[in-house]
Amino acid sequence: MPELPEVQTVVTDLIAADLVGRRITAARVFWPRTIAAPAPAQFGRRIKDRTVSALGRRGKLIVIALSGGLTLLVHLRMSGRLVLGAAKASPYLRVRLYLDDGRALDFIDTRKFGRFTLTADPGPLLDRLGMEPLDRGFTPARLADCLDGSTRALKALLLDQGVIVGIGNIYADEALWQARLHPARPANSLSKPAVKALHRAIVDVLEQGIANRGTTFSAGKAGFHSANRQAGRNLSAIQVFRRTGQPCPRCDTPIARMIVGQRSTHYCPRCQPPSRAMRCTS
C-alpha cells in the first residue's frame, strides 16, 4: 500500500506537471465502486468544469481542491496509481478525468480497492486523522503522550491512522528497527530516550522515503509508480521489511518475521529484543 512517502511523491509530481490551474472538462467512470461519494453519475456531473486550485496530502490521502468549494479526496489503497498524460489506456483504468489542455488524469487500480470522494466538506474525513509525522508539531513529547496511554503493541499503534498518519507496514518496520524497539513491545513501556529514538527514526525513514521517491518492490502492475510512471528508488535503503532470513545490516542476525495486529512484521531478534513487559494487546 502506498504510504506517506509514496503519496507525497505523487502529489509533488502532479504539482510539477502543472495540474494546478487545469480545468476538468469531463469524467468517465469505468469502475463505479471506485467512487465512494457521491453516486457515480452525480460524480461526473459535479466535477465537470471544475478547476484544480490546489494539491496536497493528508496522511495517505491525496487532497485535490477544486473551484466552487469542492474537494476531491483520493485514497490509492493497495495498488492505486494516478497517472497524468495522454498514454494508451490501461486495462485497469477505473476513472479518467479529461483536462482542458488535452491531457487526462487516469486512476489505474489493479485490485480495485482505491476510492474517490468528492465533497463540499472534507472535514469529517480529514479531522479524524492523527498527527502528521513530518509537521513541526510532531515532537517527542507529543509522541510520548500517544504512547503513555496505550498498552497496544508499538507496531499496531504506529499503523493506527487516528494516532499518526501516513505510516504503514514498510515504514513502521523500518522505524522500529532503526530505533532498536521490538514491534510487540507495549507502547507505554518506553523510556524517554527510547521515545526520542523512535521519534527520530519515524522522521528519518519517512524523509528518506520521500527523498528516494517512494519504495517500489515490484515492477509489475501492482507495484508503486508515481504520476510520471517512474518507480521509487527507496528499495535499496530498506533494512528489514520483506528481508526475512537475510542478515541484519547491523549485526548479521537473520531477520525474523512475526504477526503483530494481524500484520506481517519484520525485525531483528538481536537488535530489537523483547522487553520484560511483553503482555500487550495488538
C-alpha atoms as a PDB file:
ATOM      1  CA  MET A   1       0.000   0.000   0.000  1.00  0.00           C
ATOM      2  CA  PRO A   2       1.365   3.456  -0.817  1.00  0.00           C
ATOM      3  CA  GLU A   3       2.368   5.182   2.405  1.00  0.00           C
ATOM      4  CA  LEU A   4       3.247   8.789   3.175  1.00  0.00           C
ATOM      5  CA  PRO A   5       6.428   8.962   1.035  1.00  0.00           C
ATOM      6  CA  GLU A   6       4.712   7.410  -1.977  1.00  0.00           C
ATOM      7  CA  VAL A   7       1.640   9.637  -1.699  1.00  0.00           C
ATOM      8  CA  GLN A   8       3.805  12.730  -1.252  1.00  0.00           C
ATOM      9  CA  THR A   9       5.789  11.753  -4.347  1.00  0.00           C
ATOM     10  CA  VAL A  10       2.587  11.543  -6.397  1.00  0.00           C
ATOM     11  CA  VAL A  11       1.448  14.960  -5.150  1.00  0.00           C
ATOM     12  CA  THR A  12       4.849  16.518  -5.889  1.00  0.00           C
ATOM     13  CA  ASP A  13       4.841  15.110  -9.421  1.00  0.00           C
ATOM     14  CA  LEU A  14       1.309  16.320 -10.133  1.00  0.00           C
ATOM     15  CA  ILE A  15       2.237  19.827  -8.993  1.00  0.00           C
ATOM     16  CA  ALA A  16       5.389  19.755 -11.138  1.00  0.00           C
ATOM     17  CA  ALA A  17       3.285  18.645 -14.108  1.00  0.00           C
ATOM     18  CA  ASP A  18       1.119  21.786 -13.786  1.00  0.00           C
ATOM     19  CA  LEU A  19      -2.102  20.068 -12.766  1.00  0.00           C
ATOM     20  CA  VAL A  20      -2.972  23.098 -10.627  1.00  0.00           C
ATOM     21  CA  GLY A  21      -4.891  25.544 -12.795  1.00  0.00           C
ATOM     22  CA  ARG A  22      -6.188  22.904 -15.176  1.00  0.00           C
ATOM     23  CA  ARG A  23      -9.936  22.600 -15.777  1.00  0.00           C
ATOM     24  CA  ILE A  24     -11.635  19.209 -15.758  1.00  0.00           C
ATOM     25  CA  THR A  25     -13.740  19.113 -18.921  1.00  0.00           C
ATOM     26  CA  ALA A  26     -15.288  15.685 -18.384  1.00  0.00           C
ATOM     27  CA  ALA A  27     -15.030  12.497 -16.345  1.00  0.00           C
ATOM     28  CA  ARG A  28     -15.536   8.829 -17.170  1.00  0.00           C
ATOM     29  CA  VAL A  29     -16.011   6.180 -14.507  1.00  0.00           C
ATOM     30  CA  PHE A  30     -15.090   2.677 -15.649  1.00  0.00           C
ATOM     31  CA  TRP A  31     -15.457   1.002 -12.226  1.00  0.00           C
ATOM     32  CA  PRO A  32     -18.376   2.589 -10.329  1.00  0.00           C
ATOM     33  CA  ARG A  33     -17.294   1.281  -6.932  1.00  0.00           C
ATOM     34  CA  THR A  34     -14.175   3.438  -7.129  1.00  0.00           C
ATOM     35  CA  ILE A  35     -16.450   6.412  -6.415  1.00  0.00           C
ATOM     36  CA  ALA A  36     -17.225   6.365  -2.706  1.00  0.00           C
ATOM     37  CA  ALA A  37     -19.312   9.566  -2.894  1.00  0.00           C
ATOM     38  CA  PRO A  38     -21.421  10.901  -4.499  1.00  0.00           C
ATOM     39  CA  ALA A  39     -23.128   8.388  -6.797  1.00  0.00           C
ATOM     40  CA  PRO A  40     -21.013   7.756  -9.923  1.00  0.00           C
ATOM     41  CA  ALA A  41     -23.470   9.545 -12.242  1.00  0.00           C
ATOM     42  CA  GLN A  42     -23.508  12.581  -9.952  1.00  0.00           C
ATOM     43  CA  PHE A  43     -19.715  12.483  -9.706  1.00  0.00           C
ATOM     44  CA  GLY A  44     -19.325  13.129 -13.406  1.00  0.00           C
ATOM     45  CA  ARG A  45     -21.784  15.998 -13.416  1.00  0.00           C
ATOM     46  CA  ARG A  46     -20.426  17.672 -10.286  1.00  0.00           C
ATOM     47  CA  ILE A  47     -16.756  17.541 -11.205  1.00  0.00           C
ATOM     48  CA  LYS A  48     -17.199  18.760 -14.777  1.00  0.00           C
ATOM     49  CA  ASP A  49     -15.774  22.249 -15.453  1.00  0.00           C
ATOM     50  CA  ARG A  50     -14.125  22.448 -12.029  1.00  0.00           C
ATOM     51  CA  THR A  51     -10.622  23.889 -11.950  1.00  0.00           C
ATOM     52  CA  VAL A  52      -7.890  22.392  -9.806  1.00  0.00           C
ATOM     53  CA  SER A  53      -6.971  25.152  -7.356  1.00  0.00           C
ATOM     54  CA  ALA A  54      -4.578  23.301  -5.034  1.00  0.00           C
ATOM     55  CA  LEU A  55      -2.967  19.915  -4.404  1.00  0.00           C
ATOM     56  CA  GLY A  56      -1.920  18.468  -1.090  1.00  0.00           C
ATOM     57  CA  ARG A  57      -1.755  15.426   1.137  1.00  0.00           C
ATOM     58  CA  ARG A  58      -3.283  14.439   4.469  1.00  0.00           C
ATOM     59  CA  GLY A  59      -1.858  11.170   5.691  1.00  0.00           C
ATOM     60  CA  LYS A  60      -2.279   8.705   2.842  1.00  0.00           C
ATOM     61  CA  LEU A  61      -4.981  10.793   1.167  1.00  0.00           C
ATOM     62  CA  ILE A  62      -4.348  12.952  -1.887  1.00  0.00           C
ATOM     63  CA  VAL A  63      -6.323  16.171  -1.433  1.00  0.00           C
ATOM     64  CA  ILE A  64      -7.343  17.999  -4.623  1.00  0.00           C
ATOM     65  CA  ALA A  65      -9.068  21.335  -4.028  1.00  0.00           C
ATOM     66  CA  LEU A  66     -11.440  22.345  -6.830  1.00  0.00           C
ATOM     67  CA  SER A  67     -13.181  25.545  -7.795  1.00  0.00           C
ATOM     68  CA  GLY A  68     -16.638  26.093  -6.367  1.00  0.00           C
ATOM     69  CA  GLY A  69     -15.700  24.810  -2.931  1.00  0.00           C
ATOM     70  CA  LEU A  70     -15.410  21.114  -3.760  1.00  0.00           C
ATOM     71  CA  THR A  71     -12.608  18.784  -2.682  1.00  0.00           C
ATOM     72  CA  LEU A  72     -11.624  15.510  -4.289  1.00  0.00           C
ATOM     73  CA  LEU A  73     -10.043  13.022  -1.878  1.00  0.00           C
ATOM     74  CA  VAL A  74      -8.166  10.145  -3.484  1.00  0.00           C
ATOM     75  CA  HIS A  75      -7.147   7.086  -1.489  1.00  0.00           C
ATOM     76  CA  LEU A  76      -4.780   4.888  -3.511  1.00  0.00           C
ATOM     77  CA  ARG A  77      -5.179   1.921  -1.141  1.00  0.00           C
ATOM     78  CA  MET A  78      -3.273  -1.226  -2.175  1.00  0.00           C
ATOM     79  CA  SER A  79      -2.491  -0.679  -5.847  1.00  0.00           C
ATOM     80  CA  GLY A  80      -3.976   2.623  -6.986  1.00  0.00           C
ATOM     81  CA  ARG A  81      -1.997   4.958  -9.259  1.00  0.00           C
ATOM     82  CA  LEU A  82      -2.675   8.432 -10.576  1.00  0.00           C
ATOM     83  CA  VAL A  83      -1.087   8.863 -13.997  1.00  0.00           C
ATOM     84  CA  LEU A  84      -1.033  12.168 -15.843  1.00  0.00           C
ATOM     85  CA  GLY A  85      -0.616  12.225 -19.588  1.00  0.00           C
ATOM     86  CA  ALA A  86      -2.097  11.042 -22.846  1.00  0.00           C
ATOM     87  CA  ALA A  87      -0.788   7.484 -22.808  1.00  0.00           C
ATOM     88  CA  LYS A  88      -2.748   4.480 -24.048  1.00  0.00           C
ATOM     89  CA  ALA A  89      -5.487   3.486 -21.629  1.00  0.00           C
ATOM     90  CA  SER A  90      -4.638   0.712 -19.162  1.00  0.00           C
ATOM     91  CA  PRO A  91      -6.921  -2.329 -18.835  1.00  0.00           C
ATOM     92  CA  TYR A  92      -7.022  -1.431 -15.148  1.00  0.00           C
ATOM     93  CA  LEU A  93      -8.271   2.101 -15.764  1.00  0.00           C
ATOM     94  CA  ARG A  94     -11.029   2.884 -13.222  1.00  0.00           C
ATOM     95  CA  VAL A  95     -11.548   6.656 -13.584  1.00  0.00           C
ATOM     96  CA  ARG A  96     -10.394   9.174 -16.199  1.00  0.00           C
ATOM     97  CA  LEU A  97     -10.556  12.944 -15.761  1.00  0.00           C
ATOM     98  CA  TYR A  98     -10.187  14.867 -19.031  1.00  0.00           C
ATOM     99  CA  LEU A  99      -8.308  18.160 -18.808  1.00  0.00           C
ATOM    100  CA  ASP A 100      -8.571  21.355 -20.809  1.00  0.00           C
ATOM    101  CA  ASP A 101      -5.019  21.026 -22.179  1.00  0.00           C
ATOM    102  CA  GLY A 102      -5.714  17.703 -23.894  1.00  0.00           C
ATOM    103  CA  ARG A 103      -4.229  15.508 -21.194  1.00  0.00           C
ATOM    104  CA  ALA A 104      -6.054  13.116 -18.887  1.00  0.00           C
ATOM    105  CA  LEU A 105      -5.607  12.211 -15.249  1.00  0.00           C
ATOM    106  CA  ASP A 106      -6.077   8.439 -15.041  1.00  0.00           C
ATOM    107  CA  PHE A 107      -6.713   6.388 -11.949  1.00  0.00           C
ATOM    108  CA  ILE A 108      -5.333   2.905 -12.521  1.00  0.00           C
ATOM    109  CA  ASP A 109      -6.045   0.298  -9.871  1.00  0.00           C
ATOM    110  CA  THR A 110      -5.275  -3.385 -10.339  1.00  0.00           C
ATOM    111  CA  ARG A 111      -7.001  -4.572  -7.167  1.00  0.00           C
ATOM    112  CA  LYS A 112      -9.938  -2.133  -7.278  1.00  0.00           C
ATOM    113  CA  PHE A 113      -9.570  -1.025  -3.646  1.00  0.00           C
ATOM    114  CA  GLY A 114      -8.858   2.678  -4.325  1.00  0.00           C
ATOM    115  CA  ARG A 115     -11.561   5.257  -3.685  1.00  0.00           C
ATOM    116  CA  PHE A 116     -12.554   8.770  -4.829  1.00  0.00           C
ATOM    117  CA  THR A 117     -14.643  11.021  -2.601  1.00  0.00           C
ATOM    118  CA  LEU A 118     -15.948  14.314  -3.999  1.00  0.00           C
ATOM    119  CA  THR A 119     -17.286  16.508  -1.216  1.00  0.00           C
ATOM    120  CA  ALA A 120     -18.033  20.090  -0.226  1.00  0.00           C
ATOM    121  CA  ASP A 121     -16.957  19.326   3.347  1.00  0.00           C
ATOM    122  CA  PRO A 122     -13.837  17.167   3.696  1.00  0.00           C
ATOM    123  CA  GLY A 123     -13.617  17.969   7.402  1.00  0.00           C
ATOM    124  CA  PRO A 124     -15.371  14.849   8.731  1.00  0.00           C
ATOM    125  CA  LEU A 125     -12.929  12.650   6.806  1.00  0.00           C
ATOM    126  CA  LEU A 126      -9.750  14.643   7.460  1.00  0.00           C
ATOM    127  CA  ASP A 127     -10.285  15.773  11.044  1.00  0.00           C
ATOM    128  CA  ARG A 128     -10.451  12.239  12.408  1.00  0.00           C
ATOM    129  CA  LEU A 129      -6.910  11.563  11.237  1.00  0.00           C
ATOM    130  CA  GLY A 130      -3.978  11.725  13.621  1.00  0.00           C
ATOM    131  CA  MET A 131      -0.767  13.733  13.724  1.00  0.00           C
ATOM    132  CA  GLU A 132       1.311  14.409  10.629  1.00  0.00           C
ATOM    133  CA  PRO A 133       4.720  12.940  11.487  1.00  0.00           C
ATOM    134  CA  LEU A 134       6.643  15.465   9.394  1.00  0.00           C
ATOM    135  CA  ASP A 135       4.939  18.550  10.807  1.00  0.00           C
ATOM    136  CA  ARG A 136       6.707  20.707  13.386  1.00  0.00           C
ATOM    137  CA  GLY A 137       4.043  19.830  15.921  1.00  0.00           C
ATOM    138  CA  PHE A 138       5.139  16.197  15.891  1.00  0.00           C
ATOM    139  CA  THR A 139       7.627  16.264  18.753  1.00  0.00           C
ATOM    140  CA  PRO A 140       8.989  13.591  21.098  1.00  0.00           C
ATOM    141  CA  ALA A 141       6.674  14.988  23.780  1.00  0.00           C
ATOM    142  CA  ARG A 142       3.605  14.625  21.530  1.00  0.00           C
ATOM    143  CA  LEU A 143       4.657  11.098  20.633  1.00  0.00           C
ATOM    144  CA  ALA A 144       5.154  10.280  24.312  1.00  0.00           C
ATOM    145  CA  ASP A 145       1.601  11.441  25.043  1.00  0.00           C
ATOM    146  CA  CYS A 146       0.279   8.954  22.489  1.00  0.00           C
ATOM    147  CA  LEU A 147       2.399   6.117  23.788  1.00  0.00           C
ATOM    148  CA  ASP A 148       1.882   6.655  27.523  1.00  0.00           C
ATOM    149  CA  GLY A 149      -1.827   5.973  27.449  1.00  0.00           C
ATOM    150  CA  SER A 150      -1.690   2.740  25.437  1.00  0.00           C
ATOM    151  CA  THR A 151      -0.769  -0.862  26.169  1.00  0.00           C
ATOM    152  CA  ARG A 152      -1.005  -1.734  22.487  1.00  0.00           C
ATOM    153  CA  ALA A 153       1.958  -3.154  20.614  1.00  0.00           C
ATOM    154  CA  LEU A 154       4.185  -0.448  19.130  1.00  0.00           C
ATOM    155  CA  LYS A 155       3.690  -1.728  15.583  1.00  0.00           C
ATOM    156  CA  ALA A 156      -0.099  -1.694  15.926  1.00  0.00           C
ATOM    157  CA  LEU A 157      -0.085   1.839  17.326  1.00  0.00           C
ATOM    158  CA  LEU A 158       2.145   3.150  14.540  1.00  0.00           C
ATOM    159  CA  LEU A 159      -0.276   1.747  11.963  1.00  0.00           C
ATOM    160  CA  ASP A 160      -3.275   3.464  13.566  1.00  0.00           C
ATOM    161  CA  GLN A 161      -4.098   6.402  11.275  1.00  0.00           C
ATOM    162  CA  GLY A 162      -6.074   8.000  14.080  1.00  0.00           C
ATOM    163  CA  VAL A 163      -2.846   8.399  16.053  1.00  0.00           C
ATOM    164  CA  ILE A 164      -0.132   9.120  13.483  1.00  0.00           C
ATOM    165  CA  VAL A 165      -0.934   9.337   9.783  1.00  0.00           C
ATOM    166  CA  GLY A 166       0.916   8.028   6.776  1.00  0.00           C
ATOM    167  CA  ILE A 167       2.826   5.139   8.337  1.00  0.00           C
ATOM    168  CA  GLY A 168       2.129   1.664   7.003  1.00  0.00           C
ATOM    169  CA  ASN A 169       3.831  -1.709   7.149  1.00  0.00           C
ATOM    170  CA  ILE A 170       7.025  -0.687   5.384  1.00  0.00           C
ATOM    171  CA  TYR A 171       7.972   2.405   7.341  1.00  0.00           C
ATOM    172  CA  ALA A 172       6.733   1.080  10.686  1.00  0.00           C
ATOM    173  CA  ASP A 173       9.076  -1.897  10.443  1.00  0.00           C
ATOM    174  CA  GLU A 174      11.945   0.308   9.288  1.00  0.00           C
ATOM    175  CA  ALA A 175      11.457   2.874  12.054  1.00  0.00           C
ATOM    176  CA  LEU A 176      11.254   0.240  14.789  1.00  0.00           C
ATOM    177  CA  TRP A 177      14.435  -1.400  13.514  1.00  0.00           C
ATOM    178  CA  GLN A 178      16.273   1.916  13.446  1.00  0.00           C
ATOM    179  CA  ALA A 179      15.093   2.682  16.989  1.00  0.00           C
ATOM    180  CA  ARG A 180      16.004  -0.864  18.166  1.00  0.00           C
ATOM    181  CA  LEU A 181      12.499  -1.476  19.515  1.00  0.00           C
ATOM    182  CA  HIS A 182      10.626  -4.772  19.403  1.00  0.00           C
ATOM    183  CA  PRO A 183       7.410  -4.464  17.335  1.00  0.00           C
ATOM    184  CA  ALA A 184       5.277  -6.162  20.003  1.00  0.00           C
ATOM    185  CA  ARG A 185       6.580  -4.092  22.889  1.00  0.00           C
ATOM    186  CA  PRO A 186       3.818  -2.264  24.813  1.00  0.00           C
ATOM    187  CA  ALA A 187       3.654   1.359  23.742  1.00  0.00           C
ATOM    188  CA  ASN A 188       3.592   2.635  27.312  1.00  0.00           C
ATOM    189  CA  SER A 189       6.794   0.793  28.282  1.00  0.00           C
ATOM    190  CA  LEU A 190       9.219   3.149  26.528  1.00  0.00           C
ATOM    191  CA  SER A 191      11.713   5.286  28.412  1.00  0.00           C
ATOM    192  CA  LYS A 192      12.281   8.911  27.381  1.00  0.00           C
ATOM    193  CA  PRO A 193      15.448   8.006  25.418  1.00  0.00           C
ATOM    194  CA  ALA A 194      13.514   5.252  23.619  1.00  0.00           C
ATOM    195  CA  VAL A 195      10.718   7.674  22.719  1.00  0.00           C
ATOM    196  CA  LYS A 196      13.260  10.115  21.311  1.00  0.00           C
ATOM    197  CA  ALA A 197      14.889   7.337  19.321  1.00  0.00           C
ATOM    198  CA  LEU A 198      11.526   6.254  17.888  1.00  0.00           C
ATOM    199  CA  HIS A 199      10.589   9.835  17.042  1.00  0.00           C
ATOM    200  CA  ARG A 200      13.882  10.349  15.244  1.00  0.00           C
ATOM    201  CA  ALA A 201      13.538   7.035  13.414  1.00  0.00           C
ATOM    202  CA  ILE A 202       9.999   7.808  12.196  1.00  0.00           C
ATOM    203  CA  VAL A 203      11.085  11.152  10.769  1.00  0.00           C
ATOM    204  CA  ASP A 204      14.266   9.688   9.276  1.00  0.00           C
ATOM    205  CA  VAL A 205      12.658   6.790   7.408  1.00  0.00           C
ATOM    206  CA  LEU A 206       9.827   8.944   6.060  1.00  0.00           C
ATOM    207  CA  GLU A 207      12.147  11.717   4.896  1.00  0.00           C
ATOM    208  CA  GLN A 208      14.435   9.130   3.325  1.00  0.00           C
ATOM    209  CA  GLY A 209      11.463   7.570   1.553  1.00  0.00           C
ATOM    210  CA  ILE A 210      10.434  10.935   0.141  1.00  0.00           C
ATOM    211  CA  ALA A 211      13.982  11.752  -0.955  1.00  0.00           C
ATOM    212  CA  ASN A 212      14.097   8.397  -2.756  1.00  0.00           C
ATOM    213  CA  ARG A 213      10.661   8.976  -4.314  1.00  0.00           C
ATOM    214  CA  GLY A 214       8.989   6.063  -2.567  1.00  0.00           C
ATOM    215  CA  THR A 215       9.504   2.322  -2.377  1.00  0.00           C
ATOM    216  CA  THR A 216       8.753   0.025  -5.304  1.00  0.00           C
ATOM    217  CA  PHE A 217       9.067  -3.707  -4.643  1.00  0.00           C
ATOM    218  CA  SER A 218       7.723  -4.919  -7.976  1.00  0.00           C
ATOM    219  CA  ALA A 219       7.922  -3.574 -11.497  1.00  0.00           C
ATOM    220  CA  GLY A 220       4.564  -5.224 -12.171  1.00  0.00           C
ATOM    221  CA  LYS A 221       1.132  -3.680 -12.425  1.00  0.00           C
ATOM    222  CA  ALA A 222       0.595  -3.535  -8.643  1.00  0.00           C
ATOM    223  CA  GLY A 223       3.975  -2.010  -7.786  1.00  0.00           C
ATOM    224  CA  PHE A 224       4.188   1.646  -6.817  1.00  0.00           C
ATOM    225  CA  HIS A 225       4.842   4.097  -9.654  1.00  0.00           C
ATOM    226  CA  SER A 226       4.442   7.840  -9.454  1.00  0.00           C
ATOM    227  CA  ALA A 227       2.334  10.087 -11.647  1.00  0.00           C
ATOM    228  CA  ASN A 228       5.140  10.242 -14.204  1.00  0.00           C
ATOM    229  CA  ARG A 229       5.291   6.425 -14.343  1.00  0.00           C
ATOM    230  CA  GLN A 230       8.612   6.177 -12.505  1.00  0.00           C
ATOM    231  CA  ALA A 231       9.364   3.559  -9.856  1.00  0.00           C
ATOM    232  CA  GLY A 232      10.594   4.639  -6.431  1.00  0.00           C
ATOM    233  CA  ARG A 233      14.274   4.285  -5.521  1.00  0.00           C
ATOM    234  CA  ASN A 234      13.926   3.528  -1.801  1.00  0.00           C
ATOM    235  CA  LEU A 235      14.168  -0.260  -2.061  1.00  0.00           C
ATOM    236  CA  SER A 236      17.952  -0.127  -1.678  1.00  0.00           C
ATOM    237  CA  ALA A 237      17.503   1.696   1.650  1.00  0.00           C
ATOM    238  CA  ILE A 238      15.132  -0.890   3.147  1.00  0.00           C
ATOM    239  CA  GLN A 239      16.778  -2.694   6.075  1.00  0.00           C
ATOM    240  CA  VAL A 240      14.281  -5.279   7.346  1.00  0.00           C
ATOM    241  CA  PHE A 241      10.927  -5.125   5.563  1.00  0.00           C
ATOM    242  CA  ARG A 242      10.458  -8.302   3.497  1.00  0.00           C
ATOM    243  CA  ARG A 243      14.047  -9.314   4.321  1.00  0.00           C
ATOM    244  CA  THR A 244      13.104 -12.479   6.261  1.00  0.00           C
ATOM    245  CA  GLY A 245      16.115 -14.742   6.696  1.00  0.00           C
ATOM    246  CA  GLN A 246      18.584 -12.204   5.370  1.00  0.00           C
ATOM    247  CA  PRO A 247      21.345 -10.893   7.686  1.00  0.00           C
ATOM    248  CA  CYS A 248      20.575  -7.824   9.752  1.00  0.00           C
ATOM    249  CA  PRO A 249      22.604  -4.887   8.367  1.00  0.00           C
ATOM    250  CA  ARG A 250      23.814  -4.138  11.925  1.00  0.00           C
ATOM    251  CA  CYS A 251      24.588  -7.491  13.489  1.00  0.00           C
ATOM    252  CA  ASP A 252      24.154 -10.209  10.800  1.00  0.00           C
ATOM    253  CA  THR A 253      21.419 -11.982  12.770  1.00  0.00           C
ATOM    254  CA  PRO A 254      18.808 -13.371  10.344  1.00  0.00           C
ATOM    255  CA  ILE A 255      15.774 -11.090  10.056  1.00  0.00           C
ATOM    256  CA  ALA A 256      12.687 -12.705  11.588  1.00  0.00           C
ATOM    257  CA  ARG A 257       9.016 -12.396  10.730  1.00  0.00           C
ATOM    258  CA  MET A 258       6.052 -12.348  13.096  1.00  0.00           C
ATOM    259  CA  ILE A 259       2.435 -11.216  13.095  1.00  0.00           C
ATOM    260  CA  VAL A 260       1.521  -8.112  15.092  1.00  0.00           C
ATOM    261  CA  GLY A 261      -2.001  -6.779  14.919  1.00  0.00           C
ATOM    262  CA  GLN A 262      -2.726  -9.191  12.048  1.00  0.00           C
ATOM    263  CA  ARG A 263       0.050  -7.601  10.005  1.00  0.00           C
ATOM    264  CA  SER A 264       3.224  -9.246   8.769  1.00  0.00           C
ATOM    265  CA  THR A 265       6.124  -7.727  10.698  1.00  0.00           C
ATOM    266  CA  HIS A 266       9.883  -7.929  10.147  1.00  0.00           C
ATOM    267  CA  TYR A 267      12.528  -7.321  12.812  1.00  0.00           C
ATOM    268  CA  CYS A 268      15.971  -8.340  14.098  1.00  0.00           C
ATOM    269  CA  PRO A 269      15.717 -10.629  17.160  1.00  0.00           C
ATOM    270  CA  ARG A 270      19.067  -9.381  18.443  1.00  0.00           C
ATOM    271  CA  CYS A 271      18.860  -5.642  17.737  1.00  0.00           C
ATOM    272  CA  GLN A 272      15.192  -5.472  18.790  1.00  0.00           C
ATOM    273  CA  PRO A 273      14.970  -7.699  21.867  1.00  0.00           C
ATOM    274  CA  PRO A 274      11.669  -8.249  23.688  1.00  0.00           C
ATOM    275  CA  SER A 275      11.084  -6.113  26.740  1.00  0.00           C
ATOM    276  CA  ARG A 276      10.233  -7.541  30.131  1.00  0.00           C
ATOM    277  CA  ALA A 277       6.643  -6.410  29.709  1.00  0.00           C
ATOM    278  CA  MET A 278       5.553  -8.155  26.522  1.00  0.00           C
ATOM    279  CA  ARG A 279       1.979  -8.668  27.685  1.00  0.00           C
ATOM    280  CA  CYS A 280       0.130  -6.253  25.460  1.00  0.00           C
ATOM    281  CA  THR A 281      -2.826  -6.019  23.159  1.00  0.00           C
ATOM    282  CA  SER A 282      -2.168  -5.799  19.461  1.00  0.00           C
END
